[in-house]
Amino acid sequence: ELNWARDMLTSIGASALIGRKYRELSQGEKQTVLIARSLMDQPDLIIFDEASSGLDLFAREKLLRQIHHIKQLDHAPTMIYVTHHAEEITKDMTHVLLLKHGRVVEQGPKENILTPHVLSKFYQAPVSLIDLGDERLFVKPDIRNDKANKWTYTFSNLPENSKGKAISYTVREVEVPQGYVVTETVQDGNNII
């Protein structure tokens, strides 16, 4: 099994991790070891659920490169990559499924889904796409300084704290692009989100 583990680390481009102690690895390196370990069972499916969460920019790119290496394996599993960041969708990912509130909004080949029209409809706000090269895109919200969408909220019947004193709430005036919902409440100087 040890040789198989070494082979698996090498096959996903992580041979530099062979022989290192797990507790001394960075978060991204630990994730790589866990991915290699899961591949040892030759699964039919691997789900990467927010796999880049907690990774810095460079570790994220290494992860995406490792996914590319996994796709090249003879026994490559089907991979599902869950993300909130379209720029993480690489050329190795062929289909996109957009979810909102647990429901499928759009699905299909990525070239049909990652379009300004479909994504603007999904986000309910205009977006543009920036080509990052290598078939990767960045979704840029088109946020304008639109005074018509500026709101000030006022509260009444505020709750009391345990001492019977009304808790002070301040809601900042925010500019909201069409279709966006922004909630920010400040309670006694602390943000509550």
N, C-alpha and C. Protein backbone atom coordinates (compact mmCIF):
# COMPACT_ATOMS: atom_id res chain seq x y z
N GLU A 1 0.81 -1.21 0.00
CA GLU A 1 0.00 0.00 0.00
C GLU A 1 0.85 1.26 0.00
N LEU A 2 2.00 1.22 0.64
CA LEU A 2 2.86 2.39 0.70
C LEU A 2 3.35 2.77 -0.70
N ASN A 3 3.72 1.77 -1.49
CA ASN A 3 4.15 2.05 -2.87
C ASN A 3 2.99 2.61 -3.69
N TRP A 4 1.80 2.07 -3.47
CA TRP A 4 0.61 2.55 -4.17
C TRP A 4 0.32 4.00 -3.80
N ALA A 5 0.49 4.36 -2.53
CA ALA A 5 0.29 5.73 -2.07
C ALA A 5 1.31 6.66 -2.73
N ARG A 6 2.57 6.22 -2.80
CA ARG A 6 3.60 7.03 -3.47
C ARG A 6 3.27 7.22 -4.94
N ASP A 7 2.85 6.14 -5.58
CA ASP A 7 2.48 6.23 -7.00
C ASP A 7 1.32 7.20 -7.21
N MET A 8 0.36 7.17 -6.30
CA MET A 8 -0.81 8.04 -6.43
C MET A 8 -0.41 9.50 -6.25
N LEU A 9 0.44 9.80 -5.27
CA LEU A 9 0.92 11.18 -5.08
C LEU A 9 1.68 11.65 -6.32
N THR A 10 2.50 10.78 -6.87
CA THR A 10 3.26 11.13 -8.07
C THR A 10 2.33 11.37 -9.24
N SER A 11 1.29 10.54 -9.39
CA SER A 11 0.39 10.65 -10.54
C SER A 11 -0.43 11.93 -10.53
N ILE A 12 -0.61 12.54 -9.36
CA ILE A 12 -1.36 13.80 -9.33
C ILE A 12 -0.43 15.01 -9.17
N GLY A 13 0.85 14.77 -9.41
CA GLY A 13 1.81 15.88 -9.40
C GLY A 13 2.23 16.32 -8.03
N ALA A 14 2.21 15.42 -7.05
CA ALA A 14 2.54 15.81 -5.67
C ALA A 14 3.66 14.95 -5.09
N SER A 15 4.59 14.54 -5.92
CA SER A 15 5.69 13.68 -5.43
C SER A 15 6.54 14.38 -4.37
N ALA A 16 6.55 15.69 -4.35
CA ALA A 16 7.33 16.43 -3.36
C ALA A 16 6.83 16.19 -1.93
N LEU A 17 5.62 15.67 -1.79
CA LEU A 17 5.06 15.42 -0.46
C LEU A 17 5.45 14.06 0.11
N ILE A 18 6.01 13.19 -0.72
CA ILE A 18 6.37 11.84 -0.27
C ILE A 18 7.41 11.93 0.83
N GLY A 19 7.13 11.25 1.94
CA GLY A 19 8.06 11.21 3.06
C GLY A 19 7.89 12.32 4.08
N ARG A 20 7.06 13.30 3.79
CA ARG A 20 6.85 14.39 4.75
C ARG A 20 5.80 13.98 5.78
N LYS A 21 5.91 14.55 6.97
CA LYS A 21 4.95 14.26 8.03
C LYS A 21 3.67 15.06 7.81
N TYR A 22 2.54 14.39 7.97
CA TYR A 22 1.24 15.01 7.71
C TYR A 22 1.04 16.26 8.57
N ARG A 23 1.40 16.21 9.83
CA ARG A 23 1.16 17.34 10.73
C ARG A 23 1.98 18.58 10.36
N GLU A 24 3.01 18.40 9.54
CA GLU A 24 3.85 19.52 9.13
C GLU A 24 3.45 20.10 7.78
N LEU A 25 2.42 19.54 7.18
CA LEU A 25 1.98 20.00 5.86
C LEU A 25 1.07 21.21 5.97
N SER A 26 1.05 22.03 4.94
CA SER A 26 0.10 23.16 4.87
C SER A 26 -1.30 22.60 4.62
N GLN A 27 -2.28 23.47 4.73
CA GLN A 27 -3.67 23.05 4.49
C GLN A 27 -3.83 22.48 3.08
N GLY A 28 -3.25 23.14 2.09
CA GLY A 28 -3.35 22.67 0.72
C GLY A 28 -2.65 21.34 0.52
N GLU A 29 -1.49 21.18 1.15
CA GLU A 29 -0.76 19.92 1.05
C GLU A 29 -1.52 18.78 1.72
N LYS A 30 -2.13 19.07 2.87
CA LYS A 30 -2.94 18.05 3.54
C LYS A 30 -4.10 17.63 2.64
N GLN A 31 -4.70 18.59 1.99
CA GLN A 31 -5.81 18.30 1.10
C GLN A 31 -5.34 17.40 -0.04
N THR A 32 -4.17 17.67 -0.56
CA THR A 32 -3.61 16.86 -1.64
C THR A 32 -3.41 15.42 -1.19
N VAL A 33 -2.88 15.24 0.00
CA VAL A 33 -2.67 13.89 0.53
C VAL A 33 -4.01 13.17 0.67
N LEU A 34 -5.02 13.87 1.15
CA LEU A 34 -6.34 13.25 1.32
C LEU A 34 -6.95 12.88 -0.04
N ILE A 35 -6.73 13.72 -1.04
CA ILE A 35 -7.22 13.40 -2.37
C ILE A 35 -6.53 12.15 -2.90
N ALA A 36 -5.21 12.10 -2.75
CA ALA A 36 -4.46 10.92 -3.20
C ALA A 36 -4.94 9.67 -2.47
N ARG A 37 -5.17 9.82 -1.18
CA ARG A 37 -5.66 8.68 -0.38
C ARG A 37 -7.01 8.19 -0.90
N SER A 38 -7.89 9.12 -1.21
CA SER A 38 -9.21 8.71 -1.72
C SER A 38 -9.10 8.03 -3.08
N LEU A 39 -8.14 8.44 -3.88
CA LEU A 39 -7.95 7.83 -5.20
C LEU A 39 -7.43 6.40 -5.12
N MET A 40 -6.80 6.05 -4.01
CA MET A 40 -6.27 4.69 -3.84
C MET A 40 -7.38 3.65 -3.89
N ASP A 41 -8.60 4.04 -3.52
CA ASP A 41 -9.74 3.11 -3.55
C ASP A 41 -10.35 3.01 -4.94
N GLN A 42 -9.79 3.73 -5.90
CA GLN A 42 -10.28 3.79 -7.27
C GLN A 42 -11.80 4.02 -7.32
N PRO A 43 -12.24 5.14 -6.74
CA PRO A 43 -13.68 5.42 -6.70
C PRO A 43 -14.21 5.76 -8.10
N ASP A 44 -15.50 5.58 -8.28
CA ASP A 44 -16.15 5.96 -9.53
C ASP A 44 -16.46 7.44 -9.55
N LEU A 45 -16.57 8.04 -8.35
CA LEU A 45 -16.97 9.44 -8.23
C LEU A 45 -16.21 10.10 -7.09
N ILE A 46 -15.73 11.32 -7.32
CA ILE A 46 -15.17 12.16 -6.25
C ILE A 46 -15.90 13.49 -6.31
N ILE A 47 -16.37 13.95 -5.15
CA ILE A 47 -17.02 15.25 -5.05
C ILE A 47 -16.08 16.20 -4.32
N PHE A 48 -15.71 17.27 -4.99
CA PHE A 48 -14.90 18.33 -4.40
C PHE A 48 -15.86 19.43 -3.98
N ASP A 49 -16.25 19.44 -2.72
CA ASP A 49 -17.24 20.39 -2.23
C ASP A 49 -16.52 21.58 -1.60
N GLU A 50 -16.51 22.71 -2.31
CA GLU A 50 -15.81 23.91 -1.86
C GLU A 50 -14.36 23.57 -1.50
N ALA A 51 -13.71 22.81 -2.37
CA ALA A 51 -12.37 22.29 -2.11
C ALA A 51 -11.33 23.39 -1.94
N SER A 52 -11.56 24.55 -2.51
CA SER A 52 -10.57 25.63 -2.40
C SER A 52 -10.77 26.50 -1.17
N SER A 53 -11.80 26.22 -0.40
CA SER A 53 -12.06 27.00 0.81
C SER A 53 -10.88 26.87 1.77
N GLY A 54 -10.38 27.99 2.23
CA GLY A 54 -9.26 27.99 3.15
C GLY A 54 -7.90 27.92 2.48
N LEU A 55 -7.89 27.86 1.16
CA LEU A 55 -6.62 27.80 0.44
C LEU A 55 -6.25 29.19 -0.07
N ASP A 56 -4.96 29.47 -0.07
CA ASP A 56 -4.54 30.73 -0.66
C ASP A 56 -4.55 30.60 -2.19
N LEU A 57 -4.29 31.67 -2.87
CA LEU A 57 -4.36 31.72 -4.32
C LEU A 57 -3.49 30.66 -4.98
N PHE A 58 -2.28 30.47 -4.50
CA PHE A 58 -1.36 29.52 -5.11
C PHE A 58 -1.76 28.08 -4.81
N ALA A 59 -2.22 27.81 -3.60
CA ALA A 59 -2.68 26.46 -3.24
C ALA A 59 -3.92 26.10 -4.06
N ARG A 60 -4.78 27.08 -4.30
CA ARG A 60 -5.96 26.82 -5.13
C ARG A 60 -5.55 26.40 -6.53
N GLU A 61 -4.59 27.11 -7.10
CA GLU A 61 -4.14 26.77 -8.45
C GLU A 61 -3.49 25.39 -8.49
N LYS A 62 -2.76 25.03 -7.43
CA LYS A 62 -2.18 23.68 -7.36
C LYS A 62 -3.29 22.63 -7.31
N LEU A 63 -4.34 22.92 -6.54
CA LEU A 63 -5.47 21.99 -6.46
C LEU A 63 -6.09 21.79 -7.84
N LEU A 64 -6.30 22.89 -8.56
CA LEU A 64 -6.91 22.78 -9.89
C LEU A 64 -6.00 22.02 -10.84
N ARG A 65 -4.69 22.19 -10.69
CA ARG A 65 -3.75 21.43 -11.52
C ARG A 65 -3.81 19.94 -11.16
N GLN A 66 -3.99 19.63 -9.87
CA GLN A 66 -4.11 18.23 -9.46
C GLN A 66 -5.38 17.59 -10.02
N ILE A 67 -6.44 18.36 -10.08
CA ILE A 67 -7.67 17.85 -10.69
C ILE A 67 -7.41 17.52 -12.15
N HIS A 68 -6.63 18.35 -12.82
CA HIS A 68 -6.25 18.07 -14.21
C HIS A 68 -5.49 16.74 -14.28
N HIS A 69 -4.56 16.54 -13.36
CA HIS A 69 -3.79 15.28 -13.34
C HIS A 69 -4.71 14.09 -13.09
N ILE A 70 -5.67 14.25 -12.19
CA ILE A 70 -6.62 13.16 -11.89
C ILE A 70 -7.40 12.79 -13.15
N LYS A 71 -7.81 13.79 -13.89
CA LYS A 71 -8.58 13.53 -15.13
C LYS A 71 -7.77 12.72 -16.13
N GLN A 72 -6.44 12.81 -16.09
CA GLN A 72 -5.58 12.10 -17.02
C GLN A 72 -5.34 10.64 -16.60
N LEU A 73 -5.71 10.26 -15.39
CA LEU A 73 -5.47 8.89 -14.92
C LEU A 73 -6.24 7.88 -15.74
N ASP A 74 -5.68 6.68 -15.89
CA ASP A 74 -6.37 5.61 -16.62
C ASP A 74 -7.69 5.25 -15.95
N HIS A 75 -7.71 5.29 -14.65
CA HIS A 75 -8.91 4.95 -13.87
C HIS A 75 -9.56 6.22 -13.29
N ALA A 76 -9.55 7.30 -14.07
CA ALA A 76 -10.06 8.59 -13.59
C ALA A 76 -11.54 8.49 -13.21
N PRO A 77 -11.86 8.93 -12.00
CA PRO A 77 -13.27 8.92 -11.59
C PRO A 77 -14.01 10.10 -12.20
N THR A 78 -15.32 10.03 -12.19
CA THR A 78 -16.15 11.19 -12.49
C THR A 78 -15.95 12.16 -11.34
N MET A 79 -15.80 13.45 -11.66
CA MET A 79 -15.56 14.44 -10.62
C MET A 79 -16.66 15.50 -10.66
N ILE A 80 -17.15 15.83 -9.49
CA ILE A 80 -18.08 16.94 -9.31
C ILE A 80 -17.36 17.99 -8.49
N TYR A 81 -17.28 19.20 -9.02
CA TYR A 81 -16.57 20.28 -8.35
C TYR A 81 -17.59 21.36 -7.98
N VAL A 82 -17.79 21.56 -6.68
CA VAL A 82 -18.75 22.53 -6.17
C VAL A 82 -18.00 23.81 -5.80
N THR A 83 -18.45 24.95 -6.34
CA THR A 83 -17.77 26.20 -6.05
C THR A 83 -18.72 27.38 -6.20
N HIS A 84 -18.35 28.48 -5.58
CA HIS A 84 -19.03 29.76 -5.79
C HIS A 84 -18.22 30.66 -6.70
N HIS A 85 -17.09 30.17 -7.19
CA HIS A 85 -16.15 31.00 -7.94
C HIS A 85 -15.96 30.44 -9.35
N ALA A 86 -16.56 31.10 -10.33
CA ALA A 86 -16.49 30.62 -11.72
C ALA A 86 -15.07 30.53 -12.24
N GLU A 87 -14.16 31.34 -11.72
CA GLU A 87 -12.78 31.29 -12.20
C GLU A 87 -12.10 29.97 -11.86
N GLU A 88 -12.70 29.17 -11.01
CA GLU A 88 -12.16 27.85 -10.69
C GLU A 88 -12.61 26.79 -11.68
N ILE A 89 -13.51 27.12 -12.56
CA ILE A 89 -13.98 26.16 -13.56
C ILE A 89 -12.94 26.11 -14.68
N THR A 90 -12.28 24.96 -14.79
CA THR A 90 -11.18 24.81 -15.73
C THR A 90 -11.63 24.11 -17.01
N LYS A 91 -10.71 23.98 -17.96
CA LYS A 91 -11.02 23.32 -19.22
C LYS A 91 -11.36 21.84 -19.01
N ASP A 92 -10.96 21.28 -17.88
CA ASP A 92 -11.28 19.88 -17.58
C ASP A 92 -12.73 19.68 -17.17
N MET A 93 -13.40 20.74 -16.83
CA MET A 93 -14.80 20.68 -16.39
C MET A 93 -15.69 21.00 -17.58
N THR A 94 -16.50 20.05 -17.96
CA THR A 94 -17.25 20.18 -19.22
C THR A 94 -18.68 20.67 -19.04
N HIS A 95 -19.26 20.46 -17.87
CA HIS A 95 -20.66 20.83 -17.65
C HIS A 95 -20.79 21.67 -16.38
N VAL A 96 -21.81 22.51 -16.37
CA VAL A 96 -22.08 23.38 -15.22
C VAL A 96 -23.54 23.23 -14.83
N LEU A 97 -23.77 23.20 -13.53
CA LEU A 97 -25.12 23.17 -12.99
C LEU A 97 -25.22 24.33 -12.01
N LEU A 98 -26.17 25.24 -12.23
CA LEU A 98 -26.36 26.39 -11.35
C LEU A 98 -27.50 26.10 -10.38
N LEU A 99 -27.21 26.24 -9.09
CA LEU A 99 -28.22 26.03 -8.05
C LEU A 99 -28.53 27.34 -7.35
N LYS A 100 -29.78 27.55 -7.04
CA LYS A 100 -30.20 28.69 -6.24
C LYS A 100 -31.27 28.19 -5.28
N HIS A 101 -31.03 28.41 -4.00
CA HIS A 101 -31.96 27.96 -2.95
C HIS A 101 -32.26 26.47 -3.09
N GLY A 102 -31.23 25.68 -3.43
CA GLY A 102 -31.39 24.23 -3.51
C GLY A 102 -32.07 23.73 -4.77
N ARG A 103 -32.35 24.61 -5.71
CA ARG A 103 -33.04 24.20 -6.94
C ARG A 103 -32.14 24.45 -8.15
N VAL A 104 -32.25 23.55 -9.12
CA VAL A 104 -31.49 23.70 -10.35
C VAL A 104 -32.11 24.83 -11.17
N VAL A 105 -31.30 25.81 -11.52
CA VAL A 105 -31.75 26.93 -12.33
C VAL A 105 -31.37 26.72 -13.79
N GLU A 106 -30.14 26.30 -14.02
CA GLU A 106 -29.64 26.02 -15.37
C GLU A 106 -28.64 24.88 -15.27
N GLN A 107 -28.52 24.12 -16.36
CA GLN A 107 -27.52 23.08 -16.43
C GLN A 107 -27.21 22.78 -17.88
N GLY A 108 -25.99 22.32 -18.13
CA GLY A 108 -25.62 21.95 -19.47
C GLY A 108 -24.14 22.13 -19.72
N PRO A 109 -23.72 22.01 -20.98
CA PRO A 109 -22.31 22.23 -21.31
C PRO A 109 -21.89 23.63 -20.87
N LYS A 110 -20.68 23.75 -20.35
CA LYS A 110 -20.27 25.02 -19.75
C LYS A 110 -20.31 26.17 -20.74
N GLU A 111 -20.04 25.91 -22.03
CA GLU A 111 -20.07 27.01 -23.00
C GLU A 111 -21.49 27.55 -23.20
N ASN A 112 -22.51 26.76 -22.86
CA ASN A 112 -23.90 27.23 -22.94
C ASN A 112 -24.36 27.92 -21.67
N ILE A 113 -23.70 27.63 -20.55
CA ILE A 113 -24.13 28.16 -19.25
C ILE A 113 -23.31 29.38 -18.85
N LEU A 114 -22.01 29.35 -19.09
CA LEU A 114 -21.15 30.47 -18.69
C LEU A 114 -21.18 31.55 -19.76
N THR A 115 -22.34 32.19 -19.87
CA THR A 115 -22.54 33.30 -20.79
C THR A 115 -23.09 34.48 -20.00
N PRO A 116 -22.84 35.71 -20.46
CA PRO A 116 -23.39 36.86 -19.74
C PRO A 116 -24.91 36.79 -19.59
N HIS A 117 -25.60 36.33 -20.63
CA HIS A 117 -27.06 36.27 -20.58
C HIS A 117 -27.54 35.31 -19.49
N VAL A 118 -27.02 34.08 -19.50
CA VAL A 118 -27.47 33.08 -18.53
C VAL A 118 -27.08 33.49 -17.11
N LEU A 119 -25.85 33.96 -16.92
CA LEU A 119 -25.41 34.32 -15.58
C LEU A 119 -26.09 35.58 -15.05
N SER A 120 -26.39 36.54 -15.93
CA SER A 120 -27.14 37.73 -15.50
C SER A 120 -28.53 37.33 -15.04
N LYS A 121 -29.13 36.41 -15.75
CA LYS A 121 -30.45 35.90 -15.36
C LYS A 121 -30.35 35.17 -14.01
N PHE A 122 -29.31 34.37 -13.84
CA PHE A 122 -29.11 33.61 -12.61
C PHE A 122 -28.91 34.54 -11.42
N TYR A 123 -28.01 35.54 -11.58
CA TYR A 123 -27.72 36.48 -10.48
C TYR A 123 -28.77 37.58 -10.35
N GLN A 124 -29.65 37.67 -11.30
CA GLN A 124 -30.68 38.71 -11.34
C GLN A 124 -30.04 40.09 -11.30
N ALA A 125 -28.92 40.19 -11.97
CA ALA A 125 -28.17 41.45 -12.07
C ALA A 125 -27.21 41.30 -13.25
N PRO A 126 -26.90 42.39 -13.91
CA PRO A 126 -26.00 42.28 -15.06
C PRO A 126 -24.58 41.89 -14.66
N VAL A 127 -23.99 41.00 -15.46
CA VAL A 127 -22.61 40.60 -15.26
C VAL A 127 -21.90 40.59 -16.61
N SER A 128 -20.60 40.70 -16.56
CA SER A 128 -19.79 40.52 -17.76
C SER A 128 -18.77 39.44 -17.43
N LEU A 129 -18.19 38.85 -18.47
CA LEU A 129 -17.21 37.80 -18.29
C LEU A 129 -15.84 38.30 -18.74
N ILE A 130 -14.84 38.01 -17.95
CA ILE A 130 -13.47 38.37 -18.28
C ILE A 130 -12.73 37.07 -18.57
N ASP A 131 -12.17 36.96 -19.76
CA ASP A 131 -11.43 35.77 -20.17
C ASP A 131 -10.08 35.77 -19.48
N LEU A 132 -9.83 34.75 -18.66
CA LEU A 132 -8.56 34.63 -17.94
C LEU A 132 -7.56 33.78 -18.71
N GLY A 133 -7.97 33.29 -19.87
CA GLY A 133 -7.12 32.40 -20.65
C GLY A 133 -7.29 30.96 -20.20
N ASP A 134 -6.83 30.04 -21.00
CA ASP A 134 -6.89 28.61 -20.69
C ASP A 134 -8.32 28.17 -20.36
N GLU A 135 -9.28 28.75 -21.09
CA GLU A 135 -10.71 28.42 -20.95
C GLU A 135 -11.27 28.71 -19.56
N ARG A 136 -10.70 29.71 -18.88
CA ARG A 136 -11.22 30.11 -17.57
C ARG A 136 -11.78 31.51 -17.66
N LEU A 137 -12.84 31.73 -16.88
CA LEU A 137 -13.55 33.00 -16.90
C LEU A 137 -13.72 33.56 -15.50
N PHE A 138 -13.76 34.87 -15.42
CA PHE A 138 -14.10 35.55 -14.18
C PHE A 138 -15.42 36.25 -14.40
N VAL A 139 -16.36 36.07 -13.48
CA VAL A 139 -17.67 36.73 -13.57
C VAL A 139 -17.57 38.05 -12.82
N LYS A 140 -17.75 39.14 -13.53
CA LYS A 140 -17.64 40.48 -12.95
C LYS A 140 -19.03 41.10 -12.85
N PRO A 141 -19.50 41.38 -11.64
CA PRO A 141 -20.79 42.06 -11.50
C PRO A 141 -20.69 43.48 -12.06
N ASP A 142 -21.68 43.87 -12.83
CA ASP A 142 -21.73 45.24 -13.36
C ASP A 142 -22.50 46.09 -12.36
N ILE A 143 -21.79 46.62 -11.38
CA ILE A 143 -22.41 47.43 -10.33
C ILE A 143 -22.23 48.89 -10.69
N ARG A 144 -23.33 49.57 -10.74
CA ARG A 144 -23.31 50.99 -11.08
C ARG A 144 -23.72 51.82 -9.88
N ASN A 145 -23.29 53.05 -9.84
CA ASN A 145 -23.69 53.98 -8.79
C ASN A 145 -25.06 54.54 -9.16
N ASP A 146 -26.09 53.81 -8.79
CA ASP A 146 -27.46 54.13 -9.20
C ASP A 146 -28.23 54.66 -7.99
N LYS A 147 -28.45 55.97 -7.95
CA LYS A 147 -29.14 56.59 -6.81
C LYS A 147 -30.57 56.08 -6.65
N ALA A 148 -31.15 55.57 -7.73
CA ALA A 148 -32.53 55.07 -7.64
C ALA A 148 -32.62 53.83 -6.77
N ASN A 149 -31.50 53.15 -6.54
CA ASN A 149 -31.51 51.93 -5.75
C ASN A 149 -30.91 52.14 -4.36
N LYS A 150 -30.96 53.34 -3.84
CA LYS A 150 -30.42 53.64 -2.52
C LYS A 150 -31.58 53.65 -1.52
N TRP A 151 -31.40 52.89 -0.45
CA TRP A 151 -32.48 52.75 0.51
C TRP A 151 -31.96 53.04 1.92
N THR A 152 -32.83 53.61 2.73
CA THR A 152 -32.54 53.78 4.15
C THR A 152 -33.63 53.05 4.91
N TYR A 153 -33.23 52.23 5.85
CA TYR A 153 -34.19 51.43 6.59
C TYR A 153 -34.37 52.01 7.99
N THR A 154 -35.59 51.96 8.48
CA THR A 154 -35.91 52.44 9.81
C THR A 154 -36.60 51.31 10.56
N PHE A 155 -36.23 51.11 11.81
CA PHE A 155 -36.83 50.07 12.62
C PHE A 155 -37.65 50.69 13.73
N SER A 156 -38.72 50.00 14.08
CA SER A 156 -39.51 50.39 15.25
C SER A 156 -39.72 49.12 16.08
N ASN A 157 -40.23 49.26 17.26
CA ASN A 157 -40.46 48.14 18.15
C ASN A 157 -39.19 47.31 18.35
N LEU A 158 -38.11 47.99 18.71
CA LEU A 158 -36.84 47.31 18.89
C LEU A 158 -36.88 46.43 20.13
N PRO A 159 -36.18 45.29 20.10
CA PRO A 159 -36.16 44.41 21.27
C PRO A 159 -35.35 45.04 22.40
N GLU A 160 -35.57 44.48 23.61
CA GLU A 160 -34.84 44.96 24.77
C GLU A 160 -33.83 43.89 25.18
N ASN A 161 -32.75 44.35 25.78
CA ASN A 161 -31.78 43.36 26.28
C ASN A 161 -32.26 42.83 27.63
N SER A 162 -31.46 41.98 28.25
CA SER A 162 -31.88 41.34 29.51
C SER A 162 -32.09 42.32 30.65
N LYS A 163 -31.57 43.55 30.55
CA LYS A 163 -31.73 44.55 31.60
C LYS A 163 -32.91 45.49 31.34
N GLY A 164 -33.69 45.19 30.30
CA GLY A 164 -34.86 46.00 29.99
C GLY A 164 -34.55 47.25 29.20
N LYS A 165 -33.32 47.41 28.78
CA LYS A 165 -32.92 48.59 28.01
C LYS A 165 -33.03 48.27 26.51
N ALA A 166 -33.56 49.19 25.75
CA ALA A 166 -33.69 48.95 24.31
C ALA A 166 -32.30 48.81 23.69
N ILE A 167 -32.15 47.80 22.87
CA ILE A 167 -30.89 47.58 22.17
C ILE A 167 -30.84 48.56 21.00
N SER A 168 -29.72 49.24 20.85
CA SER A 168 -29.63 50.21 19.76
C SER A 168 -29.23 49.54 18.46
N TYR A 169 -29.93 49.85 17.42
CA TYR A 169 -29.65 49.33 16.09
C TYR A 169 -29.42 50.50 15.15
N THR A 170 -28.42 50.38 14.35
CA THR A 170 -28.18 51.36 13.30
C THR A 170 -28.04 50.60 12.00
N VAL A 171 -28.78 50.98 11.02
CA VAL A 171 -28.65 50.36 9.71
C VAL A 171 -28.07 51.40 8.79
N ARG A 172 -26.96 51.06 8.18
CA ARG A 172 -26.30 52.00 7.29
C ARG A 172 -27.03 52.11 5.97
N GLU A 173 -26.95 53.28 5.40
CA GLU A 173 -27.50 53.50 4.06
C GLU A 173 -26.58 52.79 3.08
N VAL A 174 -27.14 51.95 2.25
CA VAL A 174 -26.33 51.19 1.30
C VAL A 174 -26.89 51.36 -0.10
N GLU A 175 -26.03 51.28 -1.08
CA GLU A 175 -26.46 51.29 -2.46
C GLU A 175 -26.61 49.85 -2.91
N VAL A 176 -27.75 49.53 -3.47
CA VAL A 176 -28.07 48.16 -3.85
C VAL A 176 -28.31 48.09 -5.35
N PRO A 177 -27.47 47.35 -6.09
CA PRO A 177 -27.73 47.18 -7.52
C PRO A 177 -29.04 46.43 -7.73
N GLN A 178 -29.67 46.66 -8.85
CA GLN A 178 -30.93 46.01 -9.18
C GLN A 178 -30.81 44.50 -9.00
N GLY A 179 -31.72 43.90 -8.25
CA GLY A 179 -31.74 42.47 -8.07
C GLY A 179 -30.94 41.94 -6.89
N TYR A 180 -30.14 42.77 -6.25
CA TYR A 180 -29.35 42.33 -5.11
C TYR A 180 -30.10 42.61 -3.82
N VAL A 181 -29.85 41.80 -2.80
CA VAL A 181 -30.39 42.04 -1.48
C VAL A 181 -29.19 42.15 -0.55
N VAL A 182 -29.10 43.25 0.17
CA VAL A 182 -27.99 43.47 1.09
C VAL A 182 -28.57 43.67 2.47
N THR A 183 -28.08 42.92 3.43
CA THR A 183 -28.53 43.06 4.81
C THR A 183 -27.32 43.32 5.68
N GLU A 184 -27.31 44.42 6.37
CA GLU A 184 -26.26 44.69 7.35
C GLU A 184 -26.90 45.39 8.52
N THR A 185 -26.75 44.82 9.67
CA THR A 185 -27.27 45.40 10.89
C THR A 185 -26.10 45.60 11.83
N VAL A 186 -26.05 46.73 12.47
CA VAL A 186 -25.03 46.99 13.47
C VAL A 186 -25.72 47.06 14.83
N GLN A 187 -25.32 46.20 15.74
CA GLN A 187 -25.92 46.17 17.07
C GLN A 187 -24.85 46.50 18.07
N ASP A 188 -25.03 47.56 18.81
CA ASP A 188 -24.07 47.98 19.81
C ASP A 188 -22.63 47.96 19.27
N GLY A 189 -22.48 48.40 18.00
CA GLY A 189 -21.16 48.51 17.41
C GLY A 189 -20.61 47.23 16.81
N ASN A 190 -21.32 46.12 16.91
CA ASN A 190 -20.84 44.85 16.33
C ASN A 190 -21.70 44.47 15.14
N ASN A 191 -21.03 44.10 14.05
CA ASN A 191 -21.79 43.66 12.87
C ASN A 191 -22.46 42.33 13.14
N ILE A 192 -23.70 42.23 12.75
CA ILE A 192 -24.42 40.96 12.80
C ILE A 192 -24.82 40.64 11.37
N ILE A 193 -24.37 39.49 10.91
CA ILE A 193 -24.68 39.12 9.53
C ILE A 193 -25.46 37.83 9.53
